[in-house]
PDB file of N, CA and C in Angstrom:
ATOM      1  N   MET A   1     -26.765  84.552-114.326  1.00  0.00           N
ATOM      2  CA  MET A   1     -25.978  83.380-114.125  1.00  0.00           C
ATOM      3  C   MET A   1     -25.993  83.054-112.618  1.00  0.00           C
ATOM      4  N   ALA A   2     -26.196  81.770-112.283  1.00  0.00           N
ATOM      5  CA  ALA A   2     -26.226  81.332-110.913  1.00  0.00           C
ATOM      6  C   ALA A   2     -24.816  81.317-110.235  1.00  0.00           C
ATOM      7  N   LYS A   3     -24.879  81.609-108.948  1.00  0.00           N
ATOM      8  CA  LYS A   3     -23.586  81.537-108.231  1.00  0.00           C
ATOM      9  C   LYS A   3     -23.126  80.193-108.175  1.00  0.00           C
ATOM     10  N   PRO A   4     -21.765  80.038-108.142  1.00  0.00           N
ATOM     11  CA  PRO A   4     -21.188  78.650-107.883  1.00  0.00           C
ATOM     12  C   PRO A   4     -21.505  78.320-106.361  1.00  0.00           C
ATOM     13  N   PHE A   5     -21.299  77.122-105.987  1.00  0.00           N
ATOM     14  CA  PHE A   5     -21.621  76.765-104.572  1.00  0.00           C
ATOM     15  C   PHE A   5     -20.463  76.023-103.926  1.00  0.00           C
ATOM     16  N   ILE A   6     -20.489  76.082-102.608  1.00  0.00           N
ATOM     17  CA  ILE A   6     -19.576  75.310-101.760  1.00  0.00           C
ATOM     18  C   ILE A   6     -20.441  74.383-100.983  1.00  0.00           C
ATOM     19  N   LEU A   7     -20.159  73.055-101.199  1.00  0.00           N
ATOM     20  CA  LEU A   7     -20.888  71.963-100.615  1.00  0.00           C
ATOM     21  C   LEU A   7     -20.140  71.472 -99.380  1.00  0.00           C
ATOM     22  N   THR A   8     -20.734  71.567 -98.228  1.00  0.00           N
ATOM     23  CA  THR A   8     -20.096  70.997 -97.014  1.00  0.00           C
ATOM     24  C   THR A   8     -20.754  69.713 -96.669  1.00  0.00           C
ATOM     25  N   VAL A   9     -19.998  68.713 -96.292  1.00  0.00           N
ATOM     26  CA  VAL A   9     -20.513  67.369 -95.987  1.00  0.00           C
ATOM     27  C   VAL A   9     -19.864  66.909 -94.714  1.00  0.00           C
ATOM     28  N   ASP A  10     -20.676  66.527 -93.708  1.00  0.00           N
ATOM     29  CA  ASP A  10     -20.143  65.951 -92.497  1.00  0.00           C
ATOM     30  C   ASP A  10     -21.239  65.239 -91.747  1.00  0.00           C
ATOM     31  N   ASP A  11     -21.030  64.075 -91.143  1.00  0.00           N
ATOM     32  CA  ASP A  11     -22.027  63.390 -90.496  1.00  0.00           C
ATOM     33  C   ASP A  11     -22.189  63.789 -89.042  1.00  0.00           C
ATOM     34  N   ASP A  12     -21.357  64.644 -88.548  1.00  0.00           N
ATOM     35  CA  ASP A  12     -21.422  65.205 -87.196  1.00  0.00           C
ATOM     36  C   ASP A  12     -22.157  66.604 -87.380  1.00  0.00           C
ATOM     37  N   ILE A  13     -23.383  66.687 -86.938  1.00  0.00           N
ATOM     38  CA  ILE A  13     -24.196  67.803 -87.146  1.00  0.00           C
ATOM     39  C   ILE A  13     -23.666  69.071 -86.452  1.00  0.00           C
ATOM     40  N   ALA A  14     -22.916  68.893 -85.340  1.00  0.00           N
ATOM     41  CA  ALA A  14     -22.314  70.014 -84.679  1.00  0.00           C
ATOM     42  C   ALA A  14     -21.160  70.648 -85.534  1.00  0.00           C
ATOM     43  N   VAL A  15     -20.427  69.776 -86.106  1.00  0.00           N
ATOM     44  CA  VAL A  15     -19.362  70.242 -86.981  1.00  0.00           C
ATOM     45  C   VAL A  15     -19.941  70.935 -88.232  1.00  0.00           C
ATOM     46  N   LEU A  16     -20.931  70.328 -88.805  1.00  0.00           N
ATOM     47  CA  LEU A  16     -21.633  70.886 -89.953  1.00  0.00           C
ATOM     48  C   LEU A  16     -22.213  72.274 -89.751  1.00  0.00           C
ATOM     49  N   ARG A  17     -22.818  72.381 -88.542  1.00  0.00           N
ATOM     50  CA  ARG A  17     -23.422  73.690 -88.208  1.00  0.00           C
ATOM     51  C   ARG A  17     -22.316  74.754 -87.991  1.00  0.00           C
ATOM     52  N   GLY A  18     -21.210  74.387 -87.414  1.00  0.00           N
ATOM     53  CA  GLY A  18     -20.108  75.273 -87.223  1.00  0.00           C
ATOM     54  C   GLY A  18     -19.503  75.730 -88.600  1.00  0.00           C
ATOM     55  N   ILE A  19     -19.349  74.806 -89.424  1.00  0.00           N
ATOM     56  CA  ILE A  19     -18.929  75.214 -90.779  1.00  0.00           C
ATOM     57  C   ILE A  19     -19.822  76.099 -91.537  1.00  0.00           C
ATOM     58  N   GLU A  20     -21.177  75.713 -91.372  1.00  0.00           N
ATOM     59  CA  GLU A  20     -22.211  76.561 -92.035  1.00  0.00           C
ATOM     60  C   GLU A  20     -22.337  77.927 -91.453  1.00  0.00           C
ATOM     61  N   ARG A  21     -22.037  78.082 -90.163  1.00  0.00           N
ATOM     62  CA  ARG A  21     -22.063  79.362 -89.535  1.00  0.00           C
ATOM     63  C   ARG A  21     -20.858  80.273 -90.008  1.00  0.00           C
ATOM     64  N   ASP A  22     -19.699  79.673 -90.177  1.00  0.00           N
ATOM     65  CA  ASP A  22     -18.468  80.436 -90.450  1.00  0.00           C
ATOM     66  C   ASP A  22     -18.284  80.735 -91.965  1.00  0.00           C
ATOM     67  N   LEU A  23     -18.689  79.839 -92.805  1.00  0.00           N
ATOM     68  CA  LEU A  23     -18.404  80.102 -94.264  1.00  0.00           C
ATOM     69  C   LEU A  23     -19.100  81.311 -94.781  1.00  0.00           C
ATOM     70  N   PRO A  24     -20.357  81.611 -94.476  1.00  0.00           N
ATOM     71  CA  PRO A  24     -21.054  82.796 -95.132  1.00  0.00           C
ATOM     72  C   PRO A  24     -20.320  84.106 -94.855  1.00  0.00           C
ATOM     73  N   ASN A  25     -19.606  84.231 -93.684  1.00  0.00           N
ATOM     74  CA  ASN A  25     -18.953  85.466 -93.366  1.00  0.00           C
ATOM     75  C   ASN A  25     -17.969  85.856 -94.462  1.00  0.00           C
ATOM     76  N   LYS A  26     -17.321  84.832 -95.029  1.00  0.00           N
ATOM     77  CA  LYS A  26     -16.259  85.090 -96.050  1.00  0.00           C
ATOM     78  C   LYS A  26     -16.750  84.883 -97.515  1.00  0.00           C
ATOM     79  N   TYR A  27     -17.636  83.939 -97.653  1.00  0.00           N
ATOM     80  CA  TYR A  27     -17.905  83.519 -99.068  1.00  0.00           C
ATOM     81  C   TYR A  27     -19.284  83.745 -99.562  1.00  0.00           C
ATOM     82  N   ALA A  28     -20.243  84.176 -98.732  1.00  0.00           N
ATOM     83  CA  ALA A  28     -21.668  84.258 -99.154  1.00  0.00           C
ATOM     84  C   ALA A  28     -21.872  85.306-100.325  1.00  0.00           C
ATOM     85  N   SER A  29     -20.990  86.280-100.431  1.00  0.00           N
ATOM     86  CA  SER A  29     -21.197  87.229-101.501  1.00  0.00           C
ATOM     87  C   SER A  29     -20.855  86.633-102.918  1.00  0.00           C
ATOM     88  N   SER A  30     -20.040  85.543-102.866  1.00  0.00           N
ATOM     89  CA  SER A  30     -19.622  84.998-104.124  1.00  0.00           C
ATOM     90  C   SER A  30     -20.167  83.553-104.356  1.00  0.00           C
ATOM     91  N   TYR A  31     -20.563  82.872-103.283  1.00  0.00           N
ATOM     92  CA  TYR A  31     -20.976  81.462-103.420  1.00  0.00           C
ATOM     93  C   TYR A  31     -22.220  81.257-102.597  1.00  0.00           C
ATOM     94  N   ARG A  32     -22.976  80.224-103.037  1.00  0.00           N
ATOM     95  CA  ARG A  32     -24.072  79.688-102.271  1.00  0.00           C
ATOM     96  C   ARG A  32     -23.394  78.595-101.390  1.00  0.00           C
ATOM     97  N   ILE A  33     -23.906  78.530-100.118  1.00  0.00           N
ATOM     98  CA  ILE A  33     -23.342  77.559 -99.199  1.00  0.00           C
ATOM     99  C   ILE A  33     -24.403  76.481 -99.024  1.00  0.00           C
ATOM    100  N   LEU A  34     -24.083  75.280 -99.317  1.00  0.00           N
ATOM    101  CA  LEU A  34     -24.978  74.136 -99.184  1.00  0.00           C
ATOM    102  C   LEU A  34     -24.368  73.159 -98.222  1.00  0.00           C
ATOM    103  N   ARG A  35     -25.255  72.364 -97.583  1.00  0.00           N
ATOM    104  CA  ARG A  35     -24.767  71.425 -96.604  1.00  0.00           C
ATOM    105  C   ARG A  35     -25.464  70.045 -96.833  1.00  0.00           C
ATOM    106  N   ALA A  36     -24.751  69.001 -96.495  1.00  0.00           N
ATOM    107  CA  ALA A  36     -25.305  67.664 -96.493  1.00  0.00           C
ATOM    108  C   ALA A  36     -24.788  66.914 -95.332  1.00  0.00           C
ATOM    109  N   GLU A  37     -25.718  66.005 -94.777  1.00  0.00           N
ATOM    110  CA  GLU A  37     -25.281  65.288 -93.598  1.00  0.00           C
ATOM    111  C   GLU A  37     -24.689  63.911 -93.939  1.00  0.00           C
ATOM    112  N   SER A  38     -24.596  63.582 -95.245  1.00  0.00           N
ATOM    113  CA  SER A  38     -23.981  62.327 -95.621  1.00  0.00           C
ATOM    114  C   SER A  38     -23.537  62.384 -97.027  1.00  0.00           C
ATOM    115  N   GLY A  39     -22.770  61.409 -97.471  1.00  0.00           N
ATOM    116  CA  GLY A  39     -22.321  61.368 -98.836  1.00  0.00           C
ATOM    117  C   GLY A  39     -23.509  61.246 -99.797  1.00  0.00           C
ATOM    118  N   LYS A  40     -24.453  60.357 -99.356  1.00  0.00           N
ATOM    119  CA  LYS A  40     -25.661  60.090-100.186  1.00  0.00           C
ATOM    120  C   LYS A  40     -26.438  61.355-100.378  1.00  0.00           C
ATOM    121  N   ALA A  41     -26.642  62.129 -99.296  1.00  0.00           N
ATOM    122  CA  ALA A  41     -27.376  63.399 -99.364  1.00  0.00           C
ATOM    123  C   ALA A  41     -26.694  64.376-100.241  1.00  0.00           C
ATOM    124  N   ALA A  42     -25.370  64.429-100.190  1.00  0.00           N
ATOM    125  CA  ALA A  42     -24.545  65.345-100.997  1.00  0.00           C
ATOM    126  C   ALA A  42     -24.741  64.950-102.503  1.00  0.00           C
ATOM    127  N   LEU A  43     -24.699  63.695-102.809  1.00  0.00           N
ATOM    128  CA  LEU A  43     -24.945  63.294-104.210  1.00  0.00           C
ATOM    129  C   LEU A  43     -26.310  63.673-104.693  1.00  0.00           C
ATOM    130  N   GLU A  44     -27.318  63.473-103.826  1.00  0.00           N
ATOM    131  CA  GLU A  44     -28.693  63.898-104.177  1.00  0.00           C
ATOM    132  C   GLU A  44     -28.706  65.403-104.546  1.00  0.00           C
ATOM    133  N   LEU A  45     -28.056  66.141-103.711  1.00  0.00           N
ATOM    134  CA  LEU A  45     -28.039  67.625-103.971  1.00  0.00           C
ATOM    135  C   LEU A  45     -27.407  67.999-105.341  1.00  0.00           C
ATOM    136  N   LEU A  46     -26.408  67.228-105.675  1.00  0.00           N
ATOM    137  CA  LEU A  46     -25.738  67.450-106.952  1.00  0.00           C
ATOM    138  C   LEU A  46     -26.563  67.078-108.176  1.00  0.00           C
ATOM    139  N   HIS A  47     -27.459  66.181-108.016  1.00  0.00           N
ATOM    140  CA  HIS A  47     -28.316  65.856-109.131  1.00  0.00           C
ATOM    141  C   HIS A  47     -29.405  66.918-109.256  1.00  0.00           C
TER     142      HIS A  47
END
């Protein structure tokens, strides 16, 4: 069974990188961490 995921979305790349850097420390063992730089990109990932 595939891991559930956490999808982070932010148009500020610095913020997104910070979130992406911090989340795996706590959640990588149970979740896949995905990122998108826009709402449109997030919706494309979900399809």
